[in-house]
N, C-alpha and C. Protein backbone atom coordinates (compact mmCIF):
# COMPACT_ATOMS: atom_id res chain seq x y z
N MET A 1 4.95 -22.67 -55.50
CA MET A 1 4.47 -22.91 -54.49
C MET A 1 5.36 -23.29 -53.50
N GLY A 2 5.87 -23.22 -52.31
CA GLY A 2 6.63 -23.48 -51.41
C GLY A 2 5.77 -24.22 -50.06
N VAL A 3 6.82 -24.34 -48.39
CA VAL A 3 6.01 -24.75 -47.42
C VAL A 3 5.52 -23.74 -46.84
N PRO A 4 4.88 -23.33 -46.40
CA PRO A 4 4.11 -22.45 -45.66
C PRO A 4 5.12 -22.13 -44.25
N ARG A 5 5.76 -20.60 -43.68
CA ARG A 5 6.85 -20.85 -43.12
C ARG A 5 5.67 -20.52 -41.66
N ARG A 6 6.40 -21.36 -40.47
CA ARG A 6 5.69 -20.94 -39.22
C ARG A 6 6.50 -20.04 -38.63
N GLN A 7 4.55 -19.45 -37.72
CA GLN A 7 5.49 -18.13 -37.16
C GLN A 7 5.79 -18.40 -36.18
N PRO A 8 7.17 -17.79 -35.55
CA PRO A 8 7.88 -18.42 -33.65
C PRO A 8 6.48 -18.25 -32.91
N ARG A 9 6.42 -19.24 -32.19
CA ARG A 9 5.67 -19.25 -30.44
C ARG A 9 5.92 -17.91 -29.59
N ARG A 10 4.98 -17.32 -29.72
CA ARG A 10 4.77 -16.12 -28.44
C ARG A 10 4.90 -16.96 -27.48
N LYS A 11 6.26 -16.61 -26.25
CA LYS A 11 6.08 -17.17 -25.04
C LYS A 11 4.72 -16.47 -24.29
N HIS A 12 3.66 -17.52 -23.46
CA HIS A 12 3.11 -16.42 -22.55
C HIS A 12 3.89 -16.28 -21.11
N ILE A 13 3.29 -15.33 -20.76
CA ILE A 13 3.56 -13.67 -20.20
C ILE A 13 2.52 -14.47 -19.14
N PRO A 14 2.37 -15.20 -17.22
CA PRO A 14 1.51 -15.39 -16.64
C PRO A 14 0.89 -14.43 -16.03
N GLN A 15 -0.21 -13.49 -15.70
CA GLN A 15 -0.54 -12.57 -15.18
C GLN A 15 -1.59 -12.63 -14.17
N ARG A 16 -1.33 -11.40 -13.00
CA ARG A 16 -1.47 -11.10 -11.97
C ARG A 16 -2.33 -10.23 -11.44
N THR A 17 -2.96 -10.03 -10.02
CA THR A 17 -3.69 -8.89 -9.92
C THR A 17 -3.02 -8.99 -8.60
N CYS A 18 -2.79 -7.51 -8.89
CA CYS A 18 -2.76 -6.88 -7.06
C CYS A 18 -3.81 -7.08 -6.36
N VAL A 19 -3.30 -7.13 -5.03
CA VAL A 19 -4.49 -6.96 -4.36
C VAL A 19 -5.08 -5.52 -3.77
N GLY A 20 -4.65 -4.46 -3.92
CA GLY A 20 -4.23 -3.63 -3.92
C GLY A 20 -5.51 -2.79 -4.51
N CYS A 21 -4.86 -2.58 -5.87
CA CYS A 21 -5.29 -1.75 -7.02
C CYS A 21 -6.45 -2.80 -7.89
N ARG A 22 -5.82 -3.76 -7.92
CA ARG A 22 -6.82 -5.20 -7.95
C ARG A 22 -6.15 -4.81 -9.95
N GLU A 23 -5.23 -4.31 -10.28
CA GLU A 23 -4.87 -4.26 -12.19
C GLU A 23 -3.80 -5.08 -12.15
N THR A 24 -3.93 -5.93 -13.54
CA THR A 24 -3.72 -6.84 -13.74
C THR A 24 -2.33 -6.46 -14.69
N LEU A 25 -1.33 -7.41 -14.10
CA LEU A 25 0.35 -7.14 -15.11
C LEU A 25 0.77 -8.84 -14.74
N ALA A 26 2.05 -8.44 -15.35
CA ALA A 26 2.57 -10.02 -15.66
C ALA A 26 3.31 -10.05 -14.59
N LYS A 27 3.27 -11.11 -14.02
CA LYS A 27 4.12 -12.04 -12.59
C LYS A 27 4.75 -11.56 -12.43
N LYS A 28 5.70 -10.74 -12.45
CA LYS A 28 7.40 -10.66 -12.83
C LYS A 28 7.02 -9.21 -12.43
N ALA A 29 6.37 -8.30 -12.79
CA ALA A 29 5.89 -6.71 -12.17
C ALA A 29 5.55 -6.61 -10.60
N LEU A 30 5.13 -7.77 -9.97
CA LEU A 30 4.28 -7.37 -8.85
C LEU A 30 5.55 -8.66 -8.43
N ILE A 31 5.39 -8.34 -6.61
CA ILE A 31 5.49 -8.27 -5.87
C ILE A 31 4.64 -9.59 -4.97
N ARG A 32 5.06 -11.47 -4.76
CA ARG A 32 4.73 -11.99 -4.33
C ARG A 32 4.62 -11.83 -3.28
N ILE A 33 3.97 -12.33 -2.19
CA ILE A 33 2.99 -12.92 -0.44
C ILE A 33 3.36 -13.81 -0.41
N VAL A 34 3.46 -15.08 0.72
CA VAL A 34 3.51 -16.36 0.70
C VAL A 34 2.53 -16.16 1.66
N ARG A 35 2.05 -17.26 1.85
CA ARG A 35 1.76 -17.88 3.18
C ARG A 35 2.03 -19.44 3.40
N THR A 36 2.50 -19.57 3.91
CA THR A 36 3.49 -21.03 4.30
C THR A 36 2.66 -21.69 6.18
N GLU A 37 3.49 -22.40 6.61
CA GLU A 37 3.04 -22.91 7.81
C GLU A 37 4.01 -23.07 8.96
N GLY A 38 4.92 -21.74 8.34
CA GLY A 38 5.60 -21.00 9.14
C GLY A 38 5.27 -19.29 9.26
N GLY A 39 4.20 -18.97 8.86
CA GLY A 39 3.61 -17.10 8.82
C GLY A 39 3.57 -16.94 6.81
N VAL A 40 3.70 -15.88 7.47
CA VAL A 40 3.41 -14.97 6.04
C VAL A 40 4.59 -14.00 5.66
N PHE A 41 5.23 -14.83 4.47
CA PHE A 41 6.46 -13.89 4.18
C PHE A 41 6.38 -13.52 2.46
N ILE A 42 7.28 -12.29 2.40
CA ILE A 42 7.85 -11.88 0.82
C ILE A 42 8.43 -13.27 0.33
N ASP A 43 8.25 -12.72 -1.02
CA ASP A 43 8.74 -14.11 -1.66
C ASP A 43 9.10 -14.08 -3.19
N PRO A 44 10.64 -13.67 -3.01
CA PRO A 44 11.15 -12.59 -3.98
C PRO A 44 11.13 -13.67 -5.38
N SER A 45 11.38 -14.95 -4.56
CA SER A 45 11.49 -15.96 -6.52
C SER A 45 10.33 -15.70 -6.59
N GLY A 46 9.46 -15.81 -6.07
CA GLY A 46 7.70 -16.19 -6.61
C GLY A 46 7.66 -17.82 -6.57
N LYS A 47 8.13 -18.43 -6.39
CA LYS A 47 8.56 -20.27 -6.18
C LYS A 47 8.02 -20.79 -4.87
N LEU A 48 8.09 -20.58 -3.69
CA LEU A 48 7.78 -21.21 -2.85
C LEU A 48 6.51 -21.34 -2.51
N ALA A 49 6.30 -21.87 -1.82
CA ALA A 49 5.58 -23.30 -1.95
C ALA A 49 4.49 -22.86 -0.82
N GLY A 50 2.76 -22.65 -1.05
CA GLY A 50 2.09 -21.92 0.01
C GLY A 50 1.03 -21.02 -1.26
N ARG A 51 0.05 -20.83 -0.28
CA ARG A 51 -0.72 -19.89 -0.73
C ARG A 51 -0.06 -18.38 -0.90
N GLY A 52 -0.48 -17.71 -1.91
CA GLY A 52 0.41 -16.52 -2.78
C GLY A 52 -0.42 -15.59 -2.86
N ALA A 53 -0.36 -13.69 -2.67
CA ALA A 53 -1.10 -13.07 -3.06
C ALA A 53 0.04 -12.06 -3.42
N TYR A 54 -0.02 -11.07 -5.14
CA TYR A 54 0.76 -10.31 -5.35
C TYR A 54 0.15 -8.64 -5.33
N LEU A 55 1.42 -8.02 -5.05
CA LEU A 55 1.17 -6.50 -4.68
C LEU A 55 1.99 -5.52 -5.78
N HIS A 56 2.02 -5.20 -6.31
CA HIS A 56 2.77 -3.46 -6.39
C HIS A 56 3.70 -3.37 -5.80
N TYR A 57 5.12 -3.03 -5.96
CA TYR A 57 5.82 -1.74 -5.32
C TYR A 57 5.25 -0.92 -5.07
N GLN A 58 4.46 -0.43 -4.60
CA GLN A 58 4.07 0.73 -4.57
C GLN A 58 3.19 1.47 -3.09
N LYS A 59 3.55 1.87 -2.14
CA LYS A 59 3.11 2.32 -0.96
C LYS A 59 1.30 2.45 -0.52
N SER A 60 0.47 3.18 -1.85
CA SER A 60 -0.60 2.84 -1.90
C SER A 60 -1.21 1.55 -1.98
N CYS A 61 -0.83 0.73 -2.66
CA CYS A 61 -0.86 -0.83 -2.81
C CYS A 61 -0.54 -1.54 -1.51
N TRP A 62 -0.07 -1.38 -0.49
CA TRP A 62 0.55 -1.93 0.11
C TRP A 62 -0.12 -1.29 1.61
N GLU A 63 -0.45 -0.48 1.67
CA GLU A 63 -1.40 -0.15 2.44
C GLU A 63 -3.00 -0.56 2.68
N LYS A 64 -3.49 -0.43 1.41
CA LYS A 64 -4.55 -1.60 1.33
C LYS A 64 -4.51 -2.68 1.87
N GLY A 65 -3.51 -3.66 1.15
CA GLY A 65 -3.04 -4.70 1.68
C GLY A 65 -2.99 -4.89 2.51
N LEU A 66 -2.31 -4.38 3.57
CA LEU A 66 -1.72 -4.71 5.37
C LEU A 66 -3.46 -4.71 5.75
N LYS A 67 -4.50 -3.24 5.12
CA LYS A 67 -5.83 -3.08 5.55
C LYS A 67 -6.52 -4.13 6.17
N GLY A 68 -6.30 -5.09 4.97
CA GLY A 68 -7.17 -6.28 5.20
C GLY A 68 -7.24 -6.79 3.57
N ALA A 69 -6.93 -6.71 2.80
CA ALA A 69 -7.10 -7.05 1.13
C ALA A 69 -5.74 -8.62 1.20
N LEU A 70 -4.94 -8.68 1.58
CA LEU A 70 -3.56 -9.47 1.49
C LEU A 70 -4.54 -10.77 2.55
N GLU A 71 -4.88 -10.40 3.99
CA GLU A 71 -5.64 -11.19 4.76
C GLU A 71 -6.81 -11.78 4.00
N ARG A 72 -7.59 -11.34 3.23
CA ARG A 72 -8.43 -12.21 2.48
C ARG A 72 -7.94 -12.68 1.24
N ALA A 73 -6.96 -12.27 0.31
CA ALA A 73 -6.77 -12.90 -0.45
C ALA A 73 -5.64 -14.09 -0.02
N LEU A 74 -5.31 -14.28 1.06
CA LEU A 74 -4.20 -15.70 2.03
C LEU A 74 -5.50 -16.21 2.60
N LYS A 75 -6.30 -15.80 2.51
CA LYS A 75 -7.36 -16.28 3.76
C LYS A 75 -6.63 -16.70 4.92
N VAL A 76 -6.51 -16.42 6.10
CA VAL A 76 -5.30 -16.23 7.09
C VAL A 76 -5.89 -15.11 7.77
N LYS A 77 -5.81 -14.93 9.11
CA LYS A 77 -5.40 -13.94 9.87
C LYS A 77 -4.42 -13.08 10.17
N LEU A 78 -3.37 -12.26 9.63
CA LEU A 78 -1.80 -11.75 9.94
C LEU A 78 -2.13 -11.88 11.23
N THR A 79 -0.55 -12.55 11.55
CA THR A 79 -0.18 -12.41 13.27
C THR A 79 0.78 -10.52 13.06
N GLU A 80 1.15 -10.52 14.67
CA GLU A 80 1.77 -9.46 14.62
C GLU A 80 2.73 -9.47 13.99
N ASP A 81 3.73 -10.79 14.24
CA ASP A 81 5.17 -10.75 13.34
C ASP A 81 4.96 -10.85 12.07
N ASP A 82 3.64 -11.39 11.57
CA ASP A 82 3.86 -11.29 9.98
C ASP A 82 3.37 -9.45 9.31
N LYS A 83 2.48 -9.13 10.74
CA LYS A 83 2.11 -7.19 10.55
C LYS A 83 3.68 -6.94 10.20
N LYS A 84 4.10 -7.26 11.49
CA LYS A 84 5.55 -6.44 11.13
C LYS A 84 6.70 -6.54 10.56
N ARG A 85 6.49 -8.01 10.30
CA ARG A 85 7.83 -8.07 8.56
C ARG A 85 7.07 -7.20 7.98
N LEU A 86 6.12 -7.75 7.61
CA LEU A 86 5.49 -6.58 6.02
C LEU A 86 5.68 -5.20 6.16
N GLU A 87 5.34 -4.72 7.57
CA GLU A 87 5.20 -3.54 7.08
C GLU A 87 6.65 -2.19 7.00
N GLU A 88 7.09 -2.94 7.97
CA GLU A 88 8.94 -3.35 7.71
C GLU A 88 9.48 -3.31 6.21
N PHE A 89 9.09 -3.95 5.39
CA PHE A 89 9.75 -4.01 3.78
C PHE A 89 8.95 -2.84 3.69
N ALA A 90 7.26 -2.26 3.71
CA ALA A 90 6.77 -1.42 2.99
C ALA A 90 7.06 0.07 3.09
N LEU A 91 7.84 -0.18 4.23
CA LEU A 91 8.84 1.30 4.86
C LEU A 91 10.02 1.08 3.32
N THR A 92 10.72 0.37 3.15
CA THR A 92 11.32 0.79 1.99
C THR A 92 11.14 1.15 0.48
N ILE A 93 9.90 0.93 0.74
CA ILE A 93 9.15 1.14 -0.80
C ILE A 93 9.06 3.25 -1.01
N PRO A 94 9.60 3.96 -1.68
CA PRO A 94 9.50 5.13 -2.12
C PRO A 94 8.74 5.48 -2.62
N ASP A 95 7.92 6.70 -2.25
CA ASP A 95 6.87 7.32 -2.11
C ASP A 95 6.38 7.49 -3.63
N GLU A 96 5.39 7.66 -4.20
CA GLU A 96 5.05 7.92 -5.93
C GLU A 96 5.07 9.33 -5.74
């Protein structure tokens, strides 16, 4: 009888919910939008300081998010500059 072998630890994968469709996925599969003192921005690194919300890389989720889900999740009223910035990014997303 030998010493029992330890199973390798499985790495924890953070889960986040898309505010557009409410689906839960791995954090890296979603795009983070962050509220900072300077406004609302897309956070490609996922590490900027500020309140964050997540969306799929899908037009339908971005449309729902821009209609109000993002404002509720970020607890802020989007300015015209914020909306314009996010809408410009949404235009780069291919149709489903």
